[in-house]
Amino acid sequence: ENETKPDEAVNVKYILSASPGGHGDDIWAASRHLSNLLADPIKCSALIQTPHSSGNHPLLGKRLLELGAGGGIPSMTAFKCGASVVCTDQAIPDRIRCLAEAAERNYRDVGHVSNIRVYPYSWGDDFLLEDAAETFDVI
């Protein structure tokens, strides 16, 4: 069970890449705002159009895909709230390493069965998951 109260903080760990190209070294205001919405169970319920039940976060058991994650803060937040997450960013080795390391650090903090995976994905490239039939509740 993953219970998060509206006034309870969700703390995530992230690592910014210093690799040139793109904006993996930036934390955008939109990323922080989305993370705050995802962390709040009442606001998240409205955002993903899922009824809120007291006791469980609405992301618990959901599958989330983040494209162009940069620092991956929304992905890490969703994961800590109980979602299984696929987090993607440009196929720049240091960028993917930073996301994977942040995912590992957040995974160590969490005691639930959700998972988080990091994949390289550059816009316009074909994107193949391990399971081509995988679907997502939140993109």
N, C-alpha and C. Protein backbone atom coordinates (compact mmCIF):
# COMPACT_ATOMS: atom_id res chain seq x y z
N GLU A 1 0.85 -1.18 0.00
CA GLU A 1 0.00 0.00 0.00
C GLU A 1 0.89 1.23 0.00
N ASN A 2 0.49 2.20 -0.77
CA ASN A 2 1.28 3.44 -0.84
C ASN A 2 0.36 4.60 -0.54
N GLU A 3 0.39 5.03 0.71
CA GLU A 3 -0.49 6.11 1.15
C GLU A 3 0.28 7.42 1.16
N THR A 4 -0.24 8.41 0.46
CA THR A 4 0.34 9.75 0.45
C THR A 4 -0.77 10.74 0.72
N LYS A 5 -0.59 11.56 1.74
CA LYS A 5 -1.59 12.57 2.08
C LYS A 5 -1.31 13.83 1.28
N PRO A 6 -2.35 14.64 1.00
CA PRO A 6 -2.16 15.84 0.18
C PRO A 6 -1.09 16.79 0.69
N ASP A 7 -0.87 16.86 2.00
CA ASP A 7 0.11 17.80 2.54
C ASP A 7 1.45 17.13 2.84
N GLU A 8 1.61 15.90 2.40
CA GLU A 8 2.83 15.14 2.66
C GLU A 8 3.79 15.25 1.48
N ALA A 9 5.04 15.56 1.75
CA ALA A 9 6.04 15.72 0.69
C ALA A 9 6.47 14.37 0.13
N VAL A 10 6.74 14.34 -1.16
CA VAL A 10 7.36 13.19 -1.81
C VAL A 10 8.75 13.66 -2.21
N ASN A 11 9.76 13.07 -1.60
CA ASN A 11 11.14 13.47 -1.88
C ASN A 11 11.75 12.52 -2.90
N VAL A 12 12.33 13.10 -3.95
CA VAL A 12 12.98 12.30 -4.97
C VAL A 12 14.44 12.70 -5.11
N LYS A 13 15.22 11.76 -5.58
CA LYS A 13 16.63 12.02 -5.85
C LYS A 13 16.79 12.11 -7.36
N TYR A 14 17.59 13.06 -7.82
CA TYR A 14 17.86 13.19 -9.25
C TYR A 14 19.29 13.60 -9.46
N ILE A 15 19.79 13.31 -10.66
CA ILE A 15 21.16 13.64 -11.03
C ILE A 15 21.09 14.30 -12.40
N LEU A 16 21.65 15.48 -12.52
CA LEU A 16 21.63 16.18 -13.80
C LEU A 16 22.88 15.85 -14.60
N SER A 17 22.70 15.65 -15.89
CA SER A 17 23.81 15.35 -16.79
C SER A 17 24.46 16.64 -17.25
N ALA A 18 25.77 16.63 -17.32
CA ALA A 18 26.51 17.78 -17.83
C ALA A 18 26.87 17.60 -19.30
N SER A 19 26.34 16.55 -19.94
CA SER A 19 26.64 16.30 -21.35
C SER A 19 26.07 17.39 -22.23
N PRO A 20 26.82 17.80 -23.25
CA PRO A 20 26.30 18.81 -24.17
C PRO A 20 25.18 18.24 -25.02
N GLY A 21 24.32 19.11 -25.48
CA GLY A 21 23.19 18.69 -26.31
C GLY A 21 21.94 18.55 -25.49
N GLY A 22 20.86 19.10 -25.98
CA GLY A 22 19.59 19.00 -25.26
C GLY A 22 19.60 19.84 -23.99
N HIS A 23 18.74 19.46 -23.07
CA HIS A 23 18.59 20.22 -21.83
C HIS A 23 18.53 19.31 -20.62
N GLY A 24 19.32 18.23 -20.63
CA GLY A 24 19.34 17.30 -19.50
C GLY A 24 19.95 17.87 -18.25
N ASP A 25 20.53 19.07 -18.38
CA ASP A 25 21.11 19.71 -17.21
C ASP A 25 20.19 20.78 -16.64
N ASP A 26 18.96 20.83 -17.14
CA ASP A 26 17.98 21.82 -16.69
C ASP A 26 16.83 21.15 -15.94
N ILE A 27 16.33 21.80 -14.93
CA ILE A 27 15.08 21.39 -14.30
C ILE A 27 14.07 22.47 -14.65
N TRP A 28 13.14 22.13 -15.52
CA TRP A 28 12.15 23.09 -16.00
C TRP A 28 11.07 23.33 -14.95
N ALA A 29 10.52 24.51 -14.95
CA ALA A 29 9.41 24.82 -14.04
C ALA A 29 8.26 23.86 -14.27
N ALA A 30 8.01 23.49 -15.52
CA ALA A 30 6.92 22.56 -15.83
C ALA A 30 7.17 21.20 -15.19
N SER A 31 8.42 20.77 -15.14
CA SER A 31 8.77 19.50 -14.52
C SER A 31 8.46 19.53 -13.02
N ARG A 32 8.84 20.62 -12.38
CA ARG A 32 8.55 20.76 -10.94
C ARG A 32 7.04 20.82 -10.70
N HIS A 33 6.33 21.57 -11.55
CA HIS A 33 4.88 21.70 -11.39
C HIS A 33 4.19 20.35 -11.58
N LEU A 34 4.57 19.62 -12.63
CA LEU A 34 3.96 18.31 -12.87
C LEU A 34 4.26 17.36 -11.71
N SER A 35 5.47 17.39 -11.21
CA SER A 35 5.83 16.54 -10.08
C SER A 35 4.98 16.86 -8.85
N ASN A 36 4.76 18.14 -8.60
CA ASN A 36 3.90 18.53 -7.47
C ASN A 36 2.47 18.05 -7.66
N LEU A 37 1.96 18.13 -8.89
CA LEU A 37 0.60 17.62 -9.17
C LEU A 37 0.53 16.12 -8.97
N LEU A 38 1.53 15.40 -9.47
CA LEU A 38 1.55 13.94 -9.34
C LEU A 38 1.66 13.52 -7.88
N ALA A 39 2.41 14.25 -7.08
CA ALA A 39 2.62 13.88 -5.68
C ALA A 39 1.37 14.06 -4.83
N ASP A 40 0.54 15.01 -5.17
CA ASP A 40 -0.68 15.29 -4.39
C ASP A 40 -1.79 14.36 -4.86
N PRO A 41 -2.25 13.44 -4.02
CA PRO A 41 -3.23 12.45 -4.48
C PRO A 41 -4.54 13.05 -5.00
N ILE A 42 -4.99 14.13 -4.43
CA ILE A 42 -6.25 14.74 -4.88
C ILE A 42 -6.06 15.39 -6.24
N LYS A 43 -4.99 16.19 -6.39
CA LYS A 43 -4.72 16.83 -7.68
C LYS A 43 -4.37 15.80 -8.75
N CYS A 44 -3.64 14.77 -8.36
CA CYS A 44 -3.28 13.72 -9.31
C CYS A 44 -4.53 12.99 -9.81
N SER A 45 -5.47 12.71 -8.92
CA SER A 45 -6.72 12.06 -9.32
C SER A 45 -7.43 12.85 -10.40
N ALA A 46 -7.48 14.17 -10.22
CA ALA A 46 -8.12 15.03 -11.22
C ALA A 46 -7.32 15.02 -12.53
N LEU A 47 -6.00 15.08 -12.41
CA LEU A 47 -5.14 15.12 -13.59
C LEU A 47 -5.26 13.86 -14.44
N ILE A 48 -5.22 12.70 -13.82
CA ILE A 48 -5.27 11.45 -14.57
C ILE A 48 -6.69 10.87 -14.67
N GLN A 49 -7.64 11.63 -14.16
CA GLN A 49 -9.06 11.28 -14.24
C GLN A 49 -9.35 9.89 -13.66
N THR A 50 -8.83 9.70 -12.44
CA THR A 50 -9.05 8.46 -11.70
C THR A 50 -9.64 8.83 -10.35
N PRO A 51 -10.72 8.20 -9.95
CA PRO A 51 -11.30 8.52 -8.63
C PRO A 51 -10.29 8.29 -7.51
N HIS A 52 -10.26 9.20 -6.56
CA HIS A 52 -9.35 9.08 -5.42
C HIS A 52 -10.01 8.27 -4.33
N SER A 53 -9.32 7.22 -3.89
CA SER A 53 -9.80 6.45 -2.75
C SER A 53 -8.87 6.74 -1.59
N SER A 54 -9.43 7.01 -0.44
CA SER A 54 -8.57 7.33 0.70
C SER A 54 -7.70 6.12 1.02
N GLY A 55 -6.46 6.42 1.35
CA GLY A 55 -5.53 5.36 1.72
C GLY A 55 -4.54 5.00 0.63
N ASN A 56 -4.94 5.04 -0.64
CA ASN A 56 -4.03 4.70 -1.73
C ASN A 56 -3.85 5.88 -2.66
N HIS A 57 -2.63 6.04 -3.14
CA HIS A 57 -2.35 7.09 -4.11
C HIS A 57 -2.92 6.64 -5.46
N PRO A 58 -3.50 7.57 -6.24
CA PRO A 58 -4.11 7.18 -7.53
C PRO A 58 -3.10 6.64 -8.55
N LEU A 59 -1.81 6.86 -8.36
CA LEU A 59 -0.82 6.30 -9.27
C LEU A 59 -0.43 4.87 -8.93
N LEU A 60 -0.85 4.40 -7.76
CA LEU A 60 -0.51 3.04 -7.35
C LEU A 60 -1.02 2.04 -8.37
N GLY A 61 -0.10 1.28 -8.95
CA GLY A 61 -0.47 0.26 -9.94
C GLY A 61 -0.62 0.77 -11.36
N LYS A 62 -0.51 2.08 -11.57
CA LYS A 62 -0.60 2.64 -12.93
C LYS A 62 0.73 2.47 -13.65
N ARG A 63 0.69 2.54 -14.98
CA ARG A 63 1.89 2.49 -15.81
C ARG A 63 2.08 3.86 -16.46
N LEU A 64 3.25 4.47 -16.24
CA LEU A 64 3.51 5.83 -16.72
C LEU A 64 4.72 5.83 -17.65
N LEU A 65 4.61 6.57 -18.75
CA LEU A 65 5.70 6.77 -19.70
C LEU A 65 6.04 8.25 -19.74
N GLU A 66 7.32 8.57 -19.51
CA GLU A 66 7.77 9.96 -19.65
C GLU A 66 8.74 10.03 -20.83
N LEU A 67 8.43 10.88 -21.80
CA LEU A 67 9.28 11.10 -22.96
C LEU A 67 10.06 12.39 -22.77
N GLY A 68 11.34 12.39 -23.11
CA GLY A 68 12.15 13.59 -22.95
C GLY A 68 12.26 13.99 -21.50
N ALA A 69 12.66 13.06 -20.64
CA ALA A 69 12.59 13.24 -19.20
C ALA A 69 13.58 14.25 -18.64
N GLY A 70 14.70 14.50 -19.31
CA GLY A 70 15.70 15.40 -18.74
C GLY A 70 16.20 14.85 -17.41
N GLY A 71 15.93 15.55 -16.32
CA GLY A 71 16.31 15.08 -14.99
C GLY A 71 15.41 13.98 -14.45
N GLY A 72 14.26 13.76 -15.08
CA GLY A 72 13.36 12.66 -14.70
C GLY A 72 12.57 12.87 -13.44
N ILE A 73 12.40 14.10 -13.01
CA ILE A 73 11.73 14.33 -11.73
C ILE A 73 10.27 13.85 -11.74
N PRO A 74 9.46 14.11 -12.78
CA PRO A 74 8.11 13.54 -12.77
C PRO A 74 8.11 12.01 -12.73
N SER A 75 9.05 11.38 -13.45
CA SER A 75 9.14 9.91 -13.41
C SER A 75 9.46 9.41 -12.01
N MET A 76 10.43 10.03 -11.36
CA MET A 76 10.82 9.60 -10.02
C MET A 76 9.68 9.83 -9.03
N THR A 77 8.96 10.93 -9.19
CA THR A 77 7.82 11.22 -8.31
C THR A 77 6.73 10.17 -8.51
N ALA A 78 6.38 9.89 -9.76
CA ALA A 78 5.34 8.89 -10.04
C ALA A 78 5.73 7.53 -9.49
N PHE A 79 7.00 7.17 -9.66
CA PHE A 79 7.48 5.90 -9.12
C PHE A 79 7.33 5.84 -7.61
N LYS A 80 7.72 6.92 -6.93
CA LYS A 80 7.62 6.93 -5.47
C LYS A 80 6.16 6.92 -4.99
N CYS A 81 5.24 7.30 -5.88
CA CYS A 81 3.82 7.28 -5.54
C CYS A 81 3.17 5.95 -5.92
N GLY A 82 3.94 5.02 -6.46
CA GLY A 82 3.41 3.68 -6.72
C GLY A 82 3.25 3.28 -8.16
N ALA A 83 3.61 4.14 -9.10
CA ALA A 83 3.47 3.81 -10.52
C ALA A 83 4.67 2.98 -10.99
N SER A 84 4.43 2.13 -11.98
CA SER A 84 5.51 1.50 -12.72
C SER A 84 5.85 2.45 -13.86
N VAL A 85 7.12 2.79 -14.00
CA VAL A 85 7.53 3.90 -14.86
C VAL A 85 8.54 3.47 -15.92
N VAL A 86 8.33 3.99 -17.13
CA VAL A 86 9.35 3.95 -18.18
C VAL A 86 9.74 5.39 -18.43
N CYS A 87 11.01 5.68 -18.23
CA CYS A 87 11.55 7.04 -18.31
C CYS A 87 12.53 7.09 -19.49
N THR A 88 12.33 8.03 -20.42
CA THR A 88 13.19 8.11 -21.60
C THR A 88 13.80 9.50 -21.75
N ASP A 89 14.96 9.53 -22.38
CA ASP A 89 15.57 10.79 -22.78
C ASP A 89 16.51 10.50 -23.94
N GLN A 90 17.10 11.56 -24.47
CA GLN A 90 17.99 11.42 -25.62
C GLN A 90 19.04 10.33 -25.40
N ALA A 91 19.43 9.70 -26.48
CA ALA A 91 20.40 8.61 -26.43
C ALA A 91 21.82 9.16 -26.26
N ILE A 92 22.02 9.93 -25.23
CA ILE A 92 23.34 10.46 -24.87
C ILE A 92 23.77 9.65 -23.64
N PRO A 93 24.88 8.89 -23.76
CA PRO A 93 25.23 7.95 -22.69
C PRO A 93 25.24 8.54 -21.28
N ASP A 94 25.81 9.73 -21.08
CA ASP A 94 25.85 10.29 -19.74
C ASP A 94 24.46 10.65 -19.25
N ARG A 95 23.59 11.10 -20.14
CA ARG A 95 22.22 11.45 -19.76
C ARG A 95 21.48 10.20 -19.27
N ILE A 96 21.62 9.10 -20.01
CA ILE A 96 20.94 7.85 -19.63
C ILE A 96 21.55 7.30 -18.34
N ARG A 97 22.86 7.42 -18.19
CA ARG A 97 23.51 6.97 -16.95
C ARG A 97 22.96 7.74 -15.75
N CYS A 98 22.82 9.05 -15.89
CA CYS A 98 22.30 9.87 -14.79
C CYS A 98 20.88 9.46 -14.42
N LEU A 99 20.03 9.27 -15.44
CA LEU A 99 18.65 8.84 -15.17
C LEU A 99 18.63 7.46 -14.50
N ALA A 100 19.45 6.54 -15.01
CA ALA A 100 19.47 5.18 -14.44
C ALA A 100 19.98 5.20 -13.00
N GLU A 101 20.99 6.02 -12.72
CA GLU A 101 21.50 6.11 -11.36
C GLU A 101 20.46 6.72 -10.43
N ALA A 102 19.77 7.76 -10.89
CA ALA A 102 18.70 8.36 -10.06
C ALA A 102 17.59 7.35 -9.82
N ALA A 103 17.23 6.60 -10.86
CA ALA A 103 16.19 5.57 -10.70
C ALA A 103 16.61 4.54 -9.66
N GLU A 104 17.87 4.11 -9.71
CA GLU A 104 18.37 3.14 -8.73
C GLU A 104 18.34 3.71 -7.32
N ARG A 105 18.73 4.95 -7.15
CA ARG A 105 18.72 5.56 -5.82
C ARG A 105 17.30 5.69 -5.28
N ASN A 106 16.35 6.05 -6.12
CA ASN A 106 14.96 6.15 -5.68
C ASN A 106 14.37 4.77 -5.42
N TYR A 107 14.77 3.79 -6.22
CA TYR A 107 14.30 2.41 -6.02
C TYR A 107 14.71 1.90 -4.64
N ARG A 108 15.92 2.22 -4.23
CA ARG A 108 16.40 1.78 -2.90
C ARG A 108 15.59 2.39 -1.76
N ASP A 109 15.00 3.57 -1.99
CA ASP A 109 14.22 4.25 -0.96
C ASP A 109 12.81 3.69 -0.78
N VAL A 110 12.32 2.97 -1.78
CA VAL A 110 10.91 2.61 -1.84
C VAL A 110 10.73 1.14 -1.48
N GLY A 111 9.70 0.87 -0.70
CA GLY A 111 9.43 -0.51 -0.30
C GLY A 111 8.22 -1.10 -0.98
N HIS A 112 7.99 -0.79 -2.24
CA HIS A 112 6.84 -1.39 -2.94
C HIS A 112 7.29 -2.08 -4.21
N VAL A 113 6.37 -2.75 -4.86
CA VAL A 113 6.73 -3.62 -5.99
C VAL A 113 6.73 -2.94 -7.34
N SER A 114 6.50 -1.66 -7.40
CA SER A 114 6.56 -0.95 -8.68
C SER A 114 7.98 -1.02 -9.22
N ASN A 115 8.11 -0.75 -10.51
CA ASN A 115 9.45 -0.72 -11.07
C ASN A 115 9.64 0.54 -11.89
N ILE A 116 10.89 0.84 -12.15
CA ILE A 116 11.24 2.00 -12.97
C ILE A 116 12.34 1.56 -13.92
N ARG A 117 12.13 1.86 -15.21
CA ARG A 117 13.11 1.51 -16.24
C ARG A 117 13.47 2.77 -17.02
N VAL A 118 14.72 2.82 -17.44
CA VAL A 118 15.23 3.97 -18.19
C VAL A 118 15.67 3.48 -19.57
N TYR A 119 15.23 4.21 -20.60
CA TYR A 119 15.60 3.86 -21.98
C TYR A 119 16.07 5.11 -22.72
N PRO A 120 17.06 4.92 -23.61
CA PRO A 120 17.43 6.03 -24.50
C PRO A 120 16.38 6.15 -25.61
N TYR A 121 16.00 7.36 -25.91
CA TYR A 121 15.07 7.60 -27.01
C TYR A 121 15.27 9.01 -27.54
N SER A 122 15.68 9.10 -28.79
CA SER A 122 15.82 10.39 -29.46
C SER A 122 14.60 10.59 -30.35
N TRP A 123 14.02 11.78 -30.30
CA TRP A 123 12.80 12.07 -31.06
C TRP A 123 12.95 11.64 -32.52
N GLY A 124 11.95 10.96 -33.02
CA GLY A 124 11.92 10.52 -34.42
C GLY A 124 12.45 9.13 -34.63
N ASP A 125 13.19 8.58 -33.67
CA ASP A 125 13.69 7.21 -33.79
C ASP A 125 12.59 6.22 -33.46
N ASP A 126 12.74 5.00 -33.98
CA ASP A 126 11.83 3.93 -33.57
C ASP A 126 12.09 3.63 -32.11
N PHE A 127 11.05 3.33 -31.39
CA PHE A 127 11.18 3.05 -29.96
C PHE A 127 10.59 1.68 -29.69
N LEU A 128 11.42 0.76 -29.26
CA LEU A 128 10.96 -0.58 -28.98
C LEU A 128 11.18 -0.90 -27.51
N LEU A 129 10.12 -1.28 -26.86
CA LEU A 129 10.21 -1.74 -25.48
C LEU A 129 10.49 -3.23 -25.48
N GLU A 130 10.86 -3.76 -24.34
CA GLU A 130 11.07 -5.20 -24.24
C GLU A 130 9.80 -5.95 -24.62
N ASP A 131 8.67 -5.40 -24.28
CA ASP A 131 7.37 -5.99 -24.60
C ASP A 131 6.64 -5.02 -25.53
N ALA A 132 6.58 -5.36 -26.82
CA ALA A 132 5.98 -4.46 -27.80
C ALA A 132 4.50 -4.21 -27.54
N ALA A 133 3.87 -5.06 -26.77
CA ALA A 133 2.44 -4.90 -26.47
C ALA A 133 2.20 -4.08 -25.20
N GLU A 134 3.28 -3.59 -24.58
CA GLU A 134 3.12 -2.82 -23.34
C GLU A 134 2.32 -1.55 -23.59
N THR A 135 1.41 -1.27 -22.69
CA THR A 135 0.59 -0.06 -22.77
C THR A 135 0.80 0.77 -21.51
N PHE A 136 0.35 2.02 -21.57
CA PHE A 136 0.55 2.94 -20.45
C PHE A 136 -0.76 3.62 -20.10
N ASP A 137 -0.94 3.87 -18.81
CA ASP A 137 -2.12 4.58 -18.33
C ASP A 137 -1.91 6.09 -18.40
N VAL A 138 -0.66 6.53 -18.24
CA VAL A 138 -0.33 7.95 -18.20
C VAL A 138 0.90 8.18 -19.07
N ILE A 139 0.80 9.13 -19.99
CA ILE A 139 1.94 9.49 -20.85
C ILE A 139 2.19 10.97 -20.69
